[in-house]
Protein backbone atom coordinates (compact mmCIF):
# COMPACT_ATOMS: atom_id res chain seq x y z
CA UNK A 1 77.12 8.74 -12.86
CA UNK A 2 75.09 10.60 -15.47
CA UNK A 3 71.74 12.30 -14.89
CA UNK A 4 68.93 10.89 -17.03
CA UNK A 5 66.32 13.44 -16.62
CA UNK A 6 62.99 11.84 -18.00
CA UNK A 7 64.74 9.23 -20.19
CA UNK A 8 62.47 6.25 -20.72
CA UNK A 9 63.83 2.82 -20.29
CA UNK A 10 63.16 1.75 -23.67
CA UNK A 11 65.32 4.66 -25.11
CA UNK A 12 68.01 3.94 -22.58
CA UNK A 13 69.03 0.68 -24.62
CA UNK A 14 69.18 2.71 -27.80
CA UNK A 15 71.31 5.40 -26.64
CA UNK A 16 73.71 3.30 -24.72
CA UNK A 17 73.73 0.18 -27.23
CA UNK A 18 72.97 -2.04 -24.28
CA UNK A 19 70.65 -5.11 -23.81
CA UNK A 20 68.61 -5.98 -20.77
CA UNK A 21 69.69 -9.24 -19.31
CA UNK A 22 67.70 -9.17 -15.85
CA UNK A 23 64.68 -7.50 -14.33
CA UNK A 24 62.88 -7.67 -11.17
CA UNK A 25 59.97 -5.48 -10.03
CA UNK A 26 59.16 -4.47 -6.39
CA UNK A 27 56.23 -2.19 -5.29
CA UNK A 28 56.88 0.82 -7.43
CA UNK A 29 60.59 0.29 -8.46
CA UNK A 30 62.13 -2.08 -11.08
CA UNK A 31 65.60 -3.07 -11.06
CA UNK A 32 67.24 -3.80 -14.08
CA UNK A 33 70.73 -5.04 -15.14
CA UNK A 34 71.86 -4.21 -18.74
CA UNK A 35 74.95 -5.52 -20.64
CA UNK A 36 76.40 -3.06 -23.16
CA UNK A 37 78.66 -3.10 -26.09
CA UNK A 38 81.80 -2.34 -24.10
CA UNK A 39 81.15 -5.62 -22.06
CA UNK A 40 80.02 -3.51 -19.00
CA UNK A 41 77.33 -4.15 -16.66
CA UNK A 42 74.82 -1.48 -15.61
CA UNK A 43 72.36 -1.40 -12.70
CA UNK A 44 69.35 0.68 -13.15
CA UNK A 45 66.34 1.60 -10.83
CA UNK A 46 63.28 2.58 -12.69
CA UNK A 47 60.08 3.81 -11.45
CA UNK A 48 56.54 2.74 -12.59
CA UNK A 49 56.34 5.26 -15.56
CA UNK A 50 59.58 3.96 -16.72
CA UNK A 51 61.69 6.81 -15.93
CA UNK A 52 65.38 6.00 -14.86
CA UNK A 53 65.95 7.15 -11.12
CA UNK A 54 69.30 5.53 -10.60
CA UNK A 55 72.23 4.19 -12.84
CA UNK A 56 75.41 2.63 -11.52
CA UNK A 57 78.24 0.64 -13.18
CA UNK A 58 78.62 -2.82 -11.49
CA UNK A 59 81.07 -5.58 -12.01
CA UNK A 60 80.26 -8.99 -13.46
CA UNK A 61 80.51 -10.72 -10.10
CA UNK A 62 77.95 -8.21 -8.51
CA UNK A 63 75.43 -8.59 -11.57
CA UNK A 64 75.48 -12.44 -11.23
CA UNK A 65 75.04 -11.98 -7.48
CA UNK A 66 72.01 -9.93 -7.86
CA UNK A 67 70.79 -12.30 -10.68
CA UNK A 68 71.05 -15.49 -8.70
CA UNK A 69 69.70 -14.11 -5.35
CA UNK A 70 66.21 -15.21 -4.73
CA UNK A 71 63.58 -12.78 -3.27
């Protein structure tokens, strides 16, 4: 896992060449799933200032399980 100090969400998609396919906002945290050029799914947690808190690579099955789960 890379440490993204003060990297904004809009710059993440440019640096990793990924596109956002899912986003769900909770109180102060937003959960995003990105799909990159190498056909990998990334799970990101972002705070309300859009700084990346956490990044993890997930499988395709995990990504669609998260997308299809209702709040």
